[in-house]
PDB file of N, CA and C in Angstrom:
ATOM      1  N   MET A   1       0.742  -1.182   0.007  1.00  0.00           N
ATOM      2  CA  MET A   1      -0.286  -0.153   0.084  1.00  0.00           C
ATOM      3  C   MET A   1       0.915   0.997   0.044  1.00  0.00           C
ATOM      4  N   GLY A   2       0.241   2.389  -0.730  1.00  0.00           N
ATOM      5  CA  GLY A   2       0.740   3.067  -0.539  1.00  0.00           C
ATOM      6  C   GLY A   2       0.404   4.443  -0.410  1.00  0.00           C
ATOM      7  N   ALA A   3       1.324   5.940  -0.633  1.00  0.00           N
ATOM      8  CA  ALA A   3      -0.007   6.978  -0.129  1.00  0.00           C
ATOM      9  C   ALA A   3       1.569   8.051  -0.389  1.00  0.00           C
ATOM     10  N   ILE A   4       0.068   8.896  -1.080  1.00  0.00           N
ATOM     11  CA  ILE A   4       1.051  10.306  -1.607  1.00  0.00           C
ATOM     12  C   ILE A   4       0.926  11.934  -0.017  1.00  0.00           C
ATOM     13  N   LEU A   5       1.183  12.441   0.062  1.00  0.00           N
ATOM     14  CA  LEU A   5       1.672  13.634   0.215  1.00  0.00           C
ATOM     15  C   LEU A   5       0.693  14.531  -0.468  1.00  0.00           C
ATOM     16  N   GLU A   6      -0.735  14.305   0.742  1.00  0.00           N
ATOM     17  CA  GLU A   6      -1.592  15.136   0.897  1.00  0.00           C
ATOM     18  C   GLU A   6      -1.618  17.330   0.636  1.00  0.00           C
ATOM     19  N   HIS A   7      -0.864  17.131   1.508  1.00  0.00           N
ATOM     20  CA  HIS A   7      -0.686  18.938   1.651  1.00  0.00           C
ATOM     21  C   HIS A   7       0.412  19.190   2.570  1.00  0.00           C
ATOM     22  N   MET A   8       0.967  20.347   2.315  1.00  0.00           N
ATOM     23  CA  MET A   8       2.538  20.574   3.109  1.00  0.00           C
ATOM     24  C   MET A   8       1.585  21.869   3.208  1.00  0.00           C
ATOM     25  N   ALA A   9       1.703  22.309   4.689  1.00  0.00           N
ATOM     26  CA  ALA A   9       1.535  23.796   5.484  1.00  0.00           C
ATOM     27  C   ALA A   9       2.581  24.470   5.473  1.00  0.00           C
ATOM     28  N   LEU A  10       2.818  25.602   4.349  1.00  0.00           N
ATOM     29  CA  LEU A  10       4.189  26.659   5.033  1.00  0.00           C
ATOM     30  C   LEU A  10       3.333  28.196   5.456  1.00  0.00           C
ATOM     31  N   ARG A  11       4.690  28.844   6.435  1.00  0.00           N
ATOM     32  CA  ARG A  11       3.991  29.800   6.584  1.00  0.00           C
ATOM     33  C   ARG A  11       4.824  30.902   5.691  1.00  0.00           C
ATOM     34  N   VAL A  12       4.571  31.590   5.397  1.00  0.00           N
ATOM     35  CA  VAL A  12       4.937  32.958   4.386  1.00  0.00           C
ATOM     36  C   VAL A  12       4.576  33.819   4.333  1.00  0.00           C
ATOM     37  N   LYS A  13       5.594  35.169   4.370  1.00  0.00           N
ATOM     38  CA  LYS A  13       4.565  36.661   4.934  1.00  0.00           C
ATOM     39  C   LYS A  13       3.967  37.030   3.528  1.00  0.00           C
ATOM     40  N   ASP A  14       4.466  37.034   2.019  1.00  0.00           N
ATOM     41  CA  ASP A  14       3.877  37.084   0.834  1.00  0.00           C
ATOM     42  C   ASP A  14       3.059  36.810   0.186  1.00  0.00           C
ATOM     43  N   LEU A  15       2.128  37.081   0.525  1.00  0.00           N
ATOM     44  CA  LEU A  15       1.634  35.763   0.668  1.00  0.00           C
ATOM     45  C   LEU A  15       1.521  35.828  -1.588  1.00  0.00           C
ATOM     46  N   ASP A  16       1.156  36.648  -1.974  1.00  0.00           N
ATOM     47  CA  ASP A  16       0.342  36.933  -2.971  1.00  0.00           C
ATOM     48  C   ASP A  16       1.682  36.623  -3.947  1.00  0.00           C
ATOM     49  N   TRP A  17       2.658  36.683  -3.471  1.00  0.00           N
ATOM     50  CA  TRP A  17       3.859  36.905  -4.003  1.00  0.00           C
ATOM     51  C   TRP A  17       4.219  35.093  -4.901  1.00  0.00           C
ATOM     52  N   TYR A  18       3.934  34.222  -3.210  1.00  0.00           N
ATOM     53  CA  TYR A  18       4.366  32.754  -3.446  1.00  0.00           C
ATOM     54  C   TYR A  18       2.714  32.233  -4.627  1.00  0.00           C
ATOM     55  N   ILE A  19       1.748  33.084  -4.202  1.00  0.00           N
ATOM     56  CA  ILE A  19       0.563  32.834  -5.472  1.00  0.00           C
ATOM     57  C   ILE A  19       1.274  32.334  -6.525  1.00  0.00           C
ATOM     58  N   ARG A  20       1.828  33.698  -7.314  1.00  0.00           N
ATOM     59  CA  ARG A  20       2.540  33.655  -8.735  1.00  0.00           C
ATOM     60  C   ARG A  20       3.318  32.918  -8.759  1.00  0.00           C
ATOM     61  N   PHE A  21       4.171  33.501  -8.274  1.00  0.00           N
ATOM     62  CA  PHE A  21       5.931  32.256  -8.165  1.00  0.00           C
ATOM     63  C   PHE A  21       5.251  30.645  -8.934  1.00  0.00           C
ATOM     64  N   PHE A  22       4.521  30.568  -7.818  1.00  0.00           N
ATOM     65  CA  PHE A  22       3.851  28.788  -7.771  1.00  0.00           C
ATOM     66  C   PHE A  22       2.903  28.365  -9.153  1.00  0.00           C
ATOM     67  N   GLU A  23       2.305  29.523  -9.334  1.00  0.00           N
ATOM     68  CA  GLU A  23       1.304  29.812 -10.757  1.00  0.00           C
ATOM     69  C   GLU A  23       2.251  30.069 -12.146  1.00  0.00           C
ATOM     70  N   GLU A  24       2.852  30.901 -11.842  1.00  0.00           N
ATOM     71  CA  GLU A  24       4.349  31.140 -12.687  1.00  0.00           C
ATOM     72  C   GLU A  24       5.098  29.763 -14.017  1.00  0.00           C
ATOM     73  N   VAL A  25       5.997  29.286 -12.664  1.00  0.00           N
ATOM     74  CA  VAL A  25       6.578  28.659 -12.493  1.00  0.00           C
ATOM     75  C   VAL A  25       6.801  27.382 -12.083  1.00  0.00           C
ATOM     76  N   PHE A  26       5.333  26.941 -11.614  1.00  0.00           N
ATOM     77  CA  PHE A  26       5.644  25.439 -11.735  1.00  0.00           C
ATOM     78  C   PHE A  26       4.069  25.058 -12.237  1.00  0.00           C
ATOM     79  N   ASP A  27       2.982  25.652 -12.667  1.00  0.00           N
ATOM     80  CA  ASP A  27       1.317  25.749 -13.172  1.00  0.00           C
ATOM     81  C   ASP A  27       0.991  25.120 -12.066  1.00  0.00           C
ATOM     82  N   MET A  28       1.559  26.376 -11.117  1.00  0.00           N
ATOM     83  CA  MET A  28       0.615  25.058  -9.950  1.00  0.00           C
ATOM     84  C   MET A  28      -1.121  26.333  -9.245  1.00  0.00           C
ATOM     85  N   PRO A  29      -1.975  26.521  -9.921  1.00  0.00           N
ATOM     86  CA  PRO A  29      -2.993  27.249  -9.460  1.00  0.00           C
ATOM     87  C   PRO A  29      -3.402  27.281  -8.198  1.00  0.00           C
ATOM     88  N   VAL A  30      -4.154  28.228  -7.686  1.00  0.00           N
ATOM     89  CA  VAL A  30      -5.066  27.436  -6.203  1.00  0.00           C
ATOM     90  C   VAL A  30      -6.026  27.568  -6.845  1.00  0.00           C
ATOM     91  N   ARG A  31      -6.309  25.772  -6.072  1.00  0.00           N
ATOM     92  CA  ARG A  31      -7.463  24.936  -6.275  1.00  0.00           C
ATOM     93  C   ARG A  31      -8.982  25.548  -4.719  1.00  0.00           C
ATOM     94  N   SER A  32      -8.059  26.085  -4.438  1.00  0.00           N
ATOM     95  CA  SER A  32      -9.202  26.327  -2.630  1.00  0.00           C
ATOM     96  C   SER A  32      -7.986  27.676  -2.051  1.00  0.00           C
ATOM     97  N   GLN A  33      -9.382  28.531  -0.475  1.00  0.00           N
ATOM     98  CA  GLN A  33      -8.598  29.989  -0.912  1.00  0.00           C
ATOM     99  C   GLN A  33      -9.903  29.499   0.636  1.00  0.00           C
ATOM    100  N   MET A  34      -9.257  30.363   1.804  1.00  0.00           N
ATOM    101  CA  MET A  34     -10.010  30.971   2.984  1.00  0.00           C
ATOM    102  C   MET A  34      -9.844  31.945   4.280  1.00  0.00           C
ATOM    103  N   GLY A  35     -10.219  32.424   4.287  1.00  0.00           N
ATOM    104  CA  GLY A  35      -9.530  33.941   5.097  1.00  0.00           C
ATOM    105  C   GLY A  35      -9.891  34.999   4.948  1.00  0.00           C
ATOM    106  N   SER A  36      -9.544  35.749   5.128  1.00  0.00           N
ATOM    107  CA  SER A  36      -8.924  37.526   4.709  1.00  0.00           C
ATOM    108  C   SER A  36      -7.669  37.894   5.364  1.00  0.00           C
ATOM    109  N   ALA A  37      -7.336  38.189   4.400  1.00  0.00           N
ATOM    110  CA  ALA A  37      -5.346  39.377   4.804  1.00  0.00           C
ATOM    111  C   ALA A  37      -6.026  39.497   6.465  1.00  0.00           C
ATOM    112  N   PRO A  38      -4.927  40.280   7.293  1.00  0.00           N
ATOM    113  CA  PRO A  38      -3.628  39.230   7.362  1.00  0.00           C
ATOM    114  C   PRO A  38      -3.794  37.445   7.397  1.00  0.00           C
ATOM    115  N   HIS A  39      -4.465  37.450   6.755  1.00  0.00           N
ATOM    116  CA  HIS A  39      -4.629  35.908   7.474  1.00  0.00           C
ATOM    117  C   HIS A  39      -5.047  34.379   6.966  1.00  0.00           C
ATOM    118  N   ARG A  40      -4.565  34.903   5.134  1.00  0.00           N
ATOM    119  CA  ARG A  40      -5.186  34.090   4.265  1.00  0.00           C
ATOM    120  C   ARG A  40      -4.714  32.951   4.452  1.00  0.00           C
ATOM    121  N   LYS A  41      -5.117  31.707   3.647  1.00  0.00           N
ATOM    122  CA  LYS A  41      -5.146  30.764   3.779  1.00  0.00           C
ATOM    123  C   LYS A  41      -5.376  29.870   1.999  1.00  0.00           C
ATOM    124  N   VAL A  42      -4.756  29.077   1.316  1.00  0.00           N
ATOM    125  CA  VAL A  42      -4.070  29.006   0.333  1.00  0.00           C
ATOM    126  C   VAL A  42      -4.333  27.201   0.179  1.00  0.00           C
ATOM    127  N   TRP A  43      -4.856  27.104  -0.497  1.00  0.00           N
ATOM    128  CA  TRP A  43      -4.483  25.597  -1.105  1.00  0.00           C
ATOM    129  C   TRP A  43      -3.824  26.017  -2.831  1.00  0.00           C
ATOM    130  N   LEU A  44      -2.788  25.156  -3.258  1.00  0.00           N
ATOM    131  CA  LEU A  44      -2.224  25.511  -4.498  1.00  0.00           C
ATOM    132  C   LEU A  44      -2.718  23.439  -5.082  1.00  0.00           C
ATOM    133  N   LEU A  45      -2.445  23.756  -5.973  1.00  0.00           N
ATOM    134  CA  LEU A  45      -2.657  21.769  -6.362  1.00  0.00           C
ATOM    135  C   LEU A  45      -1.244  21.420  -6.243  1.00  0.00           C
ATOM    136  N   ALA A  46      -1.593  20.433  -6.385  1.00  0.00           N
ATOM    137  CA  ALA A  46       0.159  18.650  -6.081  1.00  0.00           C
ATOM    138  C   ALA A  46      -0.071  19.327  -4.549  1.00  0.00           C
ATOM    139  N   GLY A  47      -0.677  19.333  -3.654  1.00  0.00           N
ATOM    140  CA  GLY A  47      -0.430  19.641  -2.255  1.00  0.00           C
ATOM    141  C   GLY A  47       0.109  21.036  -1.674  1.00  0.00           C
ATOM    142  N   ILE A  48      -0.031  21.645  -1.798  1.00  0.00           N
ATOM    143  CA  ILE A  48       0.818  23.243  -1.284  1.00  0.00           C
ATOM    144  C   ILE A  48       0.081  23.735  -0.379  1.00  0.00           C
ATOM    145  N   GLN A  49      -0.410  23.906   0.873  1.00  0.00           N
ATOM    146  CA  GLN A  49      -0.404  24.979   1.727  1.00  0.00           C
ATOM    147  C   GLN A  49       0.393  26.721   2.348  1.00  0.00           C
ATOM    148  N   LEU A  50      -0.339  27.009   1.673  1.00  0.00           N
ATOM    149  CA  LEU A  50       0.108  28.352   2.263  1.00  0.00           C
ATOM    150  C   LEU A  50      -0.320  29.596   3.041  1.00  0.00           C
ATOM    151  N   ASN A  51       0.446  29.506   3.989  1.00  0.00           N
ATOM    152  CA  ASN A  51      -0.731  30.237   5.014  1.00  0.00           C
ATOM    153  C   ASN A  51      -0.473  31.531   5.101  1.00  0.00           C
ATOM    154  N   GLU A  52      -0.369  32.828   5.405  1.00  0.00           N
ATOM    155  CA  GLU A  52       0.047  33.857   5.011  1.00  0.00           C
ATOM    156  C   GLU A  52       0.189  33.937   6.182  1.00  0.00           C
ATOM    157  N   ASP A  53       1.598  35.096   6.891  1.00  0.00           N
ATOM    158  CA  ASP A  53       1.733  35.193   8.082  1.00  0.00           C
ATOM    159  C   ASP A  53       2.769  36.602   7.864  1.00  0.00           C
ATOM    160  N   PRO A  54       2.147  37.618   8.346  1.00  0.00           N
ATOM    161  CA  PRO A  54       2.808  38.761   7.410  1.00  0.00           C
ATOM    162  C   PRO A  54       4.017  39.484   9.214  1.00  0.00           C
ATOM    163  N   ASP A  55       4.070  38.638   9.889  1.00  0.00           N
ATOM    164  CA  ASP A  55       5.103  38.931  10.332  1.00  0.00           C
ATOM    165  C   ASP A  55       6.428  37.636  11.115  1.00  0.00           C
ATOM    166  N   PHE A  56       5.963  36.502   9.340  1.00  0.00           N
ATOM    167  CA  PHE A  56       7.095  36.208   9.603  1.00  0.00           C
ATOM    168  C   PHE A  56       8.621  36.412   8.582  1.00  0.00           C
ATOM    169  N   GLU A  57       9.202  35.762   9.063  1.00  0.00           N
ATOM    170  CA  GLU A  57      10.849  36.274   8.980  1.00  0.00           C
ATOM    171  C   GLU A  57      11.894  36.002   9.088  1.00  0.00           C
ATOM    172  N   GLY A  58      11.910  34.808   9.005  1.00  0.00           N
ATOM    173  CA  GLY A  58      12.409  33.961   9.070  1.00  0.00           C
ATOM    174  C   GLY A  58      12.028  32.139   8.261  1.00  0.00           C
ATOM    175  N   PRO A  59      13.172  31.197   7.780  1.00  0.00           N
ATOM    176  CA  PRO A  59      12.515  29.911   7.422  1.00  0.00           C
ATOM    177  C   PRO A  59      12.543  28.881   8.587  1.00  0.00           C
ATOM    178  N   GLU A  60      12.517  29.985  10.421  1.00  0.00           N
ATOM    179  CA  GLU A  60      12.848  29.169  11.406  1.00  0.00           C
ATOM    180  C   GLU A  60      11.004  27.919  10.979  1.00  0.00           C
ATOM    181  N   GLY A  61      10.753  26.951  11.485  1.00  0.00           N
ATOM    182  CA  GLY A  61       9.697  26.633  11.856  1.00  0.00           C
ATOM    183  C   GLY A  61       8.655  26.376  10.382  1.00  0.00           C
ATOM    184  N   ARG A  62       9.799  26.770   8.998  1.00  0.00           N
ATOM    185  CA  ARG A  62       8.588  26.067   8.169  1.00  0.00           C
ATOM    186  C   ARG A  62       8.677  25.159   7.352  1.00  0.00           C
ATOM    187  N   SER A  63       9.883  24.906   6.527  1.00  0.00           N
ATOM    188  CA  SER A  63      10.330  23.846   6.758  1.00  0.00           C
ATOM    189  C   SER A  63      11.397  23.463   5.940  1.00  0.00           C
ATOM    190  N   ASP A  64      13.144  22.640   5.822  1.00  0.00           N
ATOM    191  CA  ASP A  64      13.742  22.792   5.548  1.00  0.00           C
ATOM    192  C   ASP A  64      13.364  22.424   3.609  1.00  0.00           C
ATOM    193  N   HIS A  65      13.033  22.264   3.045  1.00  0.00           N
ATOM    194  CA  HIS A  65      13.103  22.242   1.196  1.00  0.00           C
ATOM    195  C   HIS A  65      11.929  21.668   0.645  1.00  0.00           C
ATOM    196  N   LEU A  66      11.269  21.860  -0.285  1.00  0.00           N
ATOM    197  CA  LEU A  66      10.207  21.756  -1.078  1.00  0.00           C
ATOM    198  C   LEU A  66      10.313  20.450  -1.497  1.00  0.00           C
ATOM    199  N   GLY A  67      10.352  19.496  -2.156  1.00  0.00           N
ATOM    200  CA  GLY A  67      10.968  19.266  -3.543  1.00  0.00           C
ATOM    201  C   GLY A  67       9.582  18.443  -4.762  1.00  0.00           C
ATOM    202  N   ILE A  68       9.860  19.453  -5.693  1.00  0.00           N
ATOM    203  CA  ILE A  68       9.011  20.280  -6.640  1.00  0.00           C
ATOM    204  C   ILE A  68       9.319  18.582  -8.458  1.00  0.00           C
ATOM    205  N   MET A  69       9.210  17.969  -8.472  1.00  0.00           N
ATOM    206  CA  MET A  69       8.617  17.598 -10.133  1.00  0.00           C
ATOM    207  C   MET A  69       8.042  17.620 -11.463  1.00  0.00           C
ATOM    208  N   PRO A  70       8.298  18.727 -12.557  1.00  0.00           N
ATOM    209  CA  PRO A  70       7.623  18.787 -13.201  1.00  0.00           C
ATOM    210  C   PRO A  70       7.709  18.486 -14.653  1.00  0.00           C
ATOM    211  N   GLU A  71       7.093  18.589 -15.458  1.00  0.00           N
ATOM    212  CA  GLU A  71       6.426  17.791 -16.285  1.00  0.00           C
ATOM    213  C   GLU A  71       7.726  18.142 -17.380  1.00  0.00           C
ATOM    214  N   ASP A  72       8.105  19.491 -17.281  1.00  0.00           N
ATOM    215  CA  ASP A  72       9.156  20.488 -18.274  1.00  0.00           C
ATOM    216  C   ASP A  72      10.589  20.549 -17.374  1.00  0.00           C
ATOM    217  N   TYR A  73      11.437  19.870 -17.230  1.00  0.00           N
ATOM    218  CA  TYR A  73      12.966  20.565 -16.419  1.00  0.00           C
ATOM    219  C   TYR A  73      13.296  21.203 -16.183  1.00  0.00           C
ATOM    220  N   GLU A  74      13.616  21.058 -17.515  1.00  0.00           N
ATOM    221  CA  GLU A  74      14.628  22.470 -18.222  1.00  0.00           C
ATOM    222  C   GLU A  74      13.871  23.914 -17.984  1.00  0.00           C
ATOM    223  N   ALA A  75      12.987  23.464 -18.481  1.00  0.00           N
ATOM    224  CA  ALA A  75      12.281  24.616 -18.435  1.00  0.00           C
ATOM    225  C   ALA A  75      11.979  25.677 -18.047  1.00  0.00           C
ATOM    226  N   THR A  76      11.222  24.369 -16.566  1.00  0.00           N
ATOM    227  CA  THR A  76      10.661  24.703 -15.168  1.00  0.00           C
ATOM    228  C   THR A  76      11.960  25.375 -14.353  1.00  0.00           C
ATOM    229  N   ILE A  77      13.054  25.652 -14.245  1.00  0.00           N
ATOM    230  CA  ILE A  77      14.078  26.075 -13.968  1.00  0.00           C
ATOM    231  C   ILE A  77      14.582  26.736 -14.516  1.00  0.00           C
ATOM    232  N   ALA A  78      14.886  27.117 -15.626  1.00  0.00           N
ATOM    233  CA  ALA A  78      14.766  28.776 -16.317  1.00  0.00           C
ATOM    234  C   ALA A  78      13.794  29.485 -15.950  1.00  0.00           C
ATOM    235  N   LYS A  79      12.570  28.941 -16.116  1.00  0.00           N
ATOM    236  CA  LYS A  79      11.396  29.921 -15.397  1.00  0.00           C
ATOM    237  C   LYS A  79      12.015  30.769 -13.603  1.00  0.00           C
ATOM    238  N   ALA A  80      12.233  29.330 -12.525  1.00  0.00           N
ATOM    239  CA  ALA A  80      12.666  30.275 -11.931  1.00  0.00           C
ATOM    240  C   ALA A  80      13.566  30.512 -10.898  1.00  0.00           C
ATOM    241  N   TYR A  81      14.360  31.092 -12.527  1.00  0.00           N
ATOM    242  CA  TYR A  81      15.333  31.425 -12.442  1.00  0.00           C
ATOM    243  C   TYR A  81      15.863  32.924 -12.349  1.00  0.00           C
ATOM    244  N   GLN A  82      13.670  33.365 -13.318  1.00  0.00           N
ATOM    245  CA  GLN A  82      13.287  35.166 -13.794  1.00  0.00           C
ATOM    246  C   GLN A  82      12.947  34.594 -12.141  1.00  0.00           C
ATOM    247  N   TRP A  83      12.542  34.988 -11.006  1.00  0.00           N
ATOM    248  CA  TRP A  83      12.172  35.212 -10.341  1.00  0.00           C
ATOM    249  C   TRP A  83      13.282  35.783  -9.094  1.00  0.00           C
ATOM    250  N   ASN A  84      14.258  36.347  -9.388  1.00  0.00           N
ATOM    251  CA  ASN A  84      15.414  36.923  -8.886  1.00  0.00           C
ATOM    252  C   ASN A  84      15.530  35.262  -7.339  1.00  0.00           C
ATOM    253  N   VAL A  85      16.360  33.948  -7.406  1.00  0.00           N
ATOM    254  CA  VAL A  85      16.106  33.203  -6.613  1.00  0.00           C
ATOM    255  C   VAL A  85      17.598  32.833  -7.062  1.00  0.00           C
ATOM    256  N   THR A  86      17.638  31.782  -5.974  1.00  0.00           N
ATOM    257  CA  THR A  86      19.658  32.146  -5.748  1.00  0.00           C
ATOM    258  C   THR A  86      19.375  30.044  -5.950  1.00  0.00           C
ATOM    259  N   GLU A  87      20.637  30.151  -6.674  1.00  0.00           N
ATOM    260  CA  GLU A  87      21.047  29.220  -6.867  1.00  0.00           C
ATOM    261  C   GLU A  87      22.155  28.886  -5.496  1.00  0.00           C
ATOM    262  N   MET A  88      22.125  27.351  -5.540  1.00  0.00           N
ATOM    263  CA  MET A  88      22.344  26.472  -4.092  1.00  0.00           C
ATOM    264  C   MET A  88      23.910  26.216  -3.969  1.00  0.00           C
ATOM    265  N   GLU A  89      24.381  25.234  -2.907  1.00  0.00           N
ATOM    266  CA  GLU A  89      25.506  24.678  -3.362  1.00  0.00           C
ATOM    267  C   GLU A  89      25.159  23.770  -4.445  1.00  0.00           C
ATOM    268  N   ALA A  90      23.990  22.688  -4.126  1.00  0.00           N
ATOM    269  CA  ALA A  90      23.944  21.601  -4.075  1.00  0.00           C
ATOM    270  C   ALA A  90      23.775  21.743  -6.353  1.00  0.00           C
ATOM    271  N   GLY A  91      23.478  22.533  -6.610  1.00  0.00           N
ATOM    272  CA  GLY A  91      23.451  22.936  -7.684  1.00  0.00           C
ATOM    273  C   GLY A  91      22.177  23.445  -8.767  1.00  0.00           C
ATOM    274  N   LYS A  92      22.392  23.781  -9.422  1.00  0.00           N
ATOM    275  CA  LYS A  92      21.134  24.785 -10.508  1.00  0.00           C
ATOM    276  C   LYS A  92      19.986  24.764  -9.941  1.00  0.00           C
ATOM    277  N   ASN A  93      19.818  22.974 -10.059  1.00  0.00           N
ATOM    278  CA  ASN A  93      18.100  22.079  -9.821  1.00  0.00           C
ATOM    279  C   ASN A  93      17.320  23.132  -8.016  1.00  0.00           C
ATOM    280  N   TRP A  94      18.590  23.044  -7.119  1.00  0.00           N
ATOM    281  CA  TRP A  94      18.155  23.560  -6.125  1.00  0.00           C
ATOM    282  C   TRP A  94      18.029  24.858  -6.098  1.00  0.00           C
ATOM    283  N   ILE A  95      17.413  26.225  -5.086  1.00  0.00           N
ATOM    284  CA  ILE A  95      16.774  27.363  -5.982  1.00  0.00           C
ATOM    285  C   ILE A  95      16.416  27.707  -4.149  1.00  0.00           C
ATOM    286  N   ARG A  96      17.252  29.442  -3.945  1.00  0.00           N
ATOM    287  CA  ARG A  96      16.921  29.431  -2.472  1.00  0.00           C
ATOM    288  C   ARG A  96      15.530  30.320  -2.787  1.00  0.00           C
ATOM    289  N   LEU A  97      14.442  30.999  -2.573  1.00  0.00           N
ATOM    290  CA  LEU A  97      13.744  31.601  -2.637  1.00  0.00           C
ATOM    291  C   LEU A  97      14.374  33.583  -1.874  1.00  0.00           C
ATOM    292  N   PRO A  98      13.849  34.126  -2.692  1.00  0.00           N
ATOM    293  CA  PRO A  98      14.539  35.517  -2.045  1.00  0.00           C
ATOM    294  C   PRO A  98      13.860  35.453  -0.436  1.00  0.00           C
ATOM    295  N   ASP A  99      13.474  35.162   0.089  1.00  0.00           N
ATOM    296  CA  ASP A  99      13.186  35.136   1.769  1.00  0.00           C
ATOM    297  C   ASP A  99      13.050  33.646   2.886  1.00  0.00           C
ATOM    298  N   GLY A 100      14.208  33.266   1.713  1.00  0.00           N
ATOM    299  CA  GLY A 100      14.814  31.641   2.677  1.00  0.00           C
ATOM    300  C   GLY A 100      13.987  30.363   2.019  1.00  0.00           C
ATOM    301  N   MET A 101      13.108  29.935   1.587  1.00  0.00           N
ATOM    302  CA  MET A 101      12.735  29.540   1.244  1.00  0.00           C
ATOM    303  C   MET A 101      13.477  28.028  -0.196  1.00  0.00           C
ATOM    304  N   CYS A 102      14.054  27.221   0.400  1.00  0.00           N
ATOM    305  CA  CYS A 102      14.692  26.076  -0.944  1.00  0.00           C
ATOM    306  C   CYS A 102      14.138  25.202  -1.396  1.00  0.00           C
ATOM    307  N   ILE A 103      14.700  25.252  -2.663  1.00  0.00           N
ATOM    308  CA  ILE A 103      12.873  24.254  -3.780  1.00  0.00           C
ATOM    309  C   ILE A 103      14.731  22.971  -4.245  1.00  0.00           C
ATOM    310  N   GLU A 104      14.093  21.578  -4.125  1.00  0.00           N
ATOM    311  CA  GLU A 104      14.657  20.766  -5.082  1.00  0.00           C
ATOM    312  C   GLU A 104      13.909  20.849  -6.420  1.00  0.00           C
ATOM    313  N   ILE A 105      14.283  21.026  -7.838  1.00  0.00           N
ATOM    314  CA  ILE A 105      12.991  20.498  -8.517  1.00  0.00           C
ATOM    315  C   ILE A 105      14.183  19.695  -9.241  1.00  0.00           C
ATOM    316  N   VAL A 106      13.089  18.510  -8.726  1.00  0.00           N
ATOM    317  CA  VAL A 106      13.556  17.158  -8.862  1.00  0.00           C
ATOM    318  C   VAL A 106      13.286  16.175 -10.537  1.00  0.00           C
ATOM    319  N   GLN A 107      14.148  16.267 -11.251  1.00  0.00           N
ATOM    320  CA  GLN A 107      13.512  15.510 -12.871  1.00  0.00           C
ATOM    321  C   GLN A 107      13.334  14.034 -12.560  1.00  0.00           C
ATOM    322  N   GLY A 108      12.333  13.413 -13.387  1.00  0.00           N
ATOM    323  CA  GLY A 108      11.192  12.807 -13.479  1.00  0.00           C
ATOM    324  C   GLY A 108      10.543  12.381 -15.011  1.00  0.00           C
ATOM    325  N   LYS A 109      10.185  10.809 -15.261  1.00  0.00           N
ATOM    326  CA  LYS A 109       9.755  10.909 -16.746  1.00  0.00           C
ATOM    327  C   LYS A 109       8.477  11.713 -16.921  1.00  0.00           C
ATOM    328  N   PRO A 110       8.533  12.896 -17.660  1.00  0.00           N
ATOM    329  CA  PRO A 110       7.720  13.155 -18.071  1.00  0.00           C
ATOM    330  C   PRO A 110       6.319  12.469 -18.498  1.00  0.00           C
ATOM    331  N   GLU A 111       6.221  11.602 -18.985  1.00  0.00           N
ATOM    332  CA  GLU A 111       4.992  11.447 -19.362  1.00  0.00           C
ATOM    333  C   GLU A 111       3.973  10.339 -17.649  1.00  0.00           C
ATOM    334  N   GLU A 112       4.773   9.976 -17.317  1.00  0.00           N
ATOM    335  CA  GLU A 112       4.904   9.473 -15.806  1.00  0.00           C
ATOM    336  C   GLU A 112       4.009  10.895 -15.043  1.00  0.00           C
ATOM    337  N   ILE A 113       5.320  11.589 -15.092  1.00  0.00           N
ATOM    338  CA  ILE A 113       4.582  13.126 -14.444  1.00  0.00           C
ATOM    339  C   ILE A 113       3.305  13.715 -14.261  1.00  0.00           C
ATOM    340  N   HIS A 114       2.469  13.640 -15.946  1.00  0.00           N
ATOM    341  CA  HIS A 114       1.337  13.483 -17.060  1.00  0.00           C
ATOM    342  C   HIS A 114       0.145  13.011 -16.641  1.00  0.00           C
ATOM    343  N   ASN A 115       0.810  12.118 -16.731  1.00  0.00           N
ATOM    344  CA  ASN A 115      -0.213  11.129 -16.189  1.00  0.00           C
ATOM    345  C   ASN A 115      -0.404  10.966 -14.714  1.00  0.00           C
ATOM    346  N   MET A 116       0.024  11.708 -13.532  1.00  0.00           N
ATOM    347  CA  MET A 116      -0.396  11.839 -12.249  1.00  0.00           C
ATOM    348  C   MET A 116      -1.382  13.267 -12.100  1.00  0.00           C
ATOM    349  N   LEU A 117      -0.211  14.058 -13.011  1.00  0.00           N
ATOM    350  CA  LEU A 117      -1.708  15.208 -13.446  1.00  0.00           C
ATOM    351  C   LEU A 117      -2.618  15.096 -13.883  1.00  0.00           C
ATOM    352  N   GLN A 118      -3.115  14.146 -14.368  1.00  0.00           N
ATOM    353  CA  GLN A 118      -4.944  13.596 -15.306  1.00  0.00           C
ATOM    354  C   GLN A 118      -5.654  13.048 -13.955  1.00  0.00           C
ATOM    355  N   ALA A 119      -5.027  12.692 -13.465  1.00  0.00           N
ATOM    356  CA  ALA A 119      -5.371  10.983 -12.389  1.00  0.00           C
ATOM    357  C   ALA A 119      -6.359  12.887 -11.251  1.00  0.00           C
ATOM    358  N   LYS A 120      -5.630  14.075 -10.518  1.00  0.00           N
ATOM    359  CA  LYS A 120      -6.433  15.321 -10.379  1.00  0.00           C
ATOM    360  C   LYS A 120      -7.000  13.879  -8.866  1.00  0.00           C
ATOM    361  N   PRO A 121      -6.669  13.580  -8.322  1.00  0.00           N
ATOM    362  CA  PRO A 121      -6.936  13.061  -6.958  1.00  0.00           C
ATOM    363  C   PRO A 121      -7.539  14.519  -6.161  1.00  0.00           C
ATOM    364  N   TRP A 122      -7.458  16.001  -6.171  1.00  0.00           N
ATOM    365  CA  TRP A 122      -7.246  16.038  -5.107  1.00  0.00           C
ATOM    366  C   TRP A 122      -8.838  16.638  -5.770  1.00  0.00           C
ATOM    367  N   ILE A 123     -10.073  16.007  -6.013  1.00  0.00           N
ATOM    368  CA  ILE A 123     -11.195  16.673  -7.130  1.00  0.00           C
ATOM    369  C   ILE A 123     -11.460  15.464  -6.772  1.00  0.00           C
TER     370      ILE A 123
END
């Protein structure tokens, strides 16, 4: 028997920036939202929940890193670097966002990723 990560909740200071970043770089639009500023919560496709916390100042208490497997590995990396991210020591597929969050962009089989995305288990 297997399992999938249903969602991971992350505290972020600038919720609107994160929504735009995940939509444009990873094609993960908002699937659900609740609350109002400055304490909104949004759920993106693929299991990420962003919790708005305007007083949040650092990476402690947030997470170590997110591993995201896109359909188009190289194009996603290229798009990410248009967002003022920095490359980490581990390589170009490890990026640090301006406020310190780390993301590992993982290469997978595009056809398998496509099939998983088409299954839409969140609906």
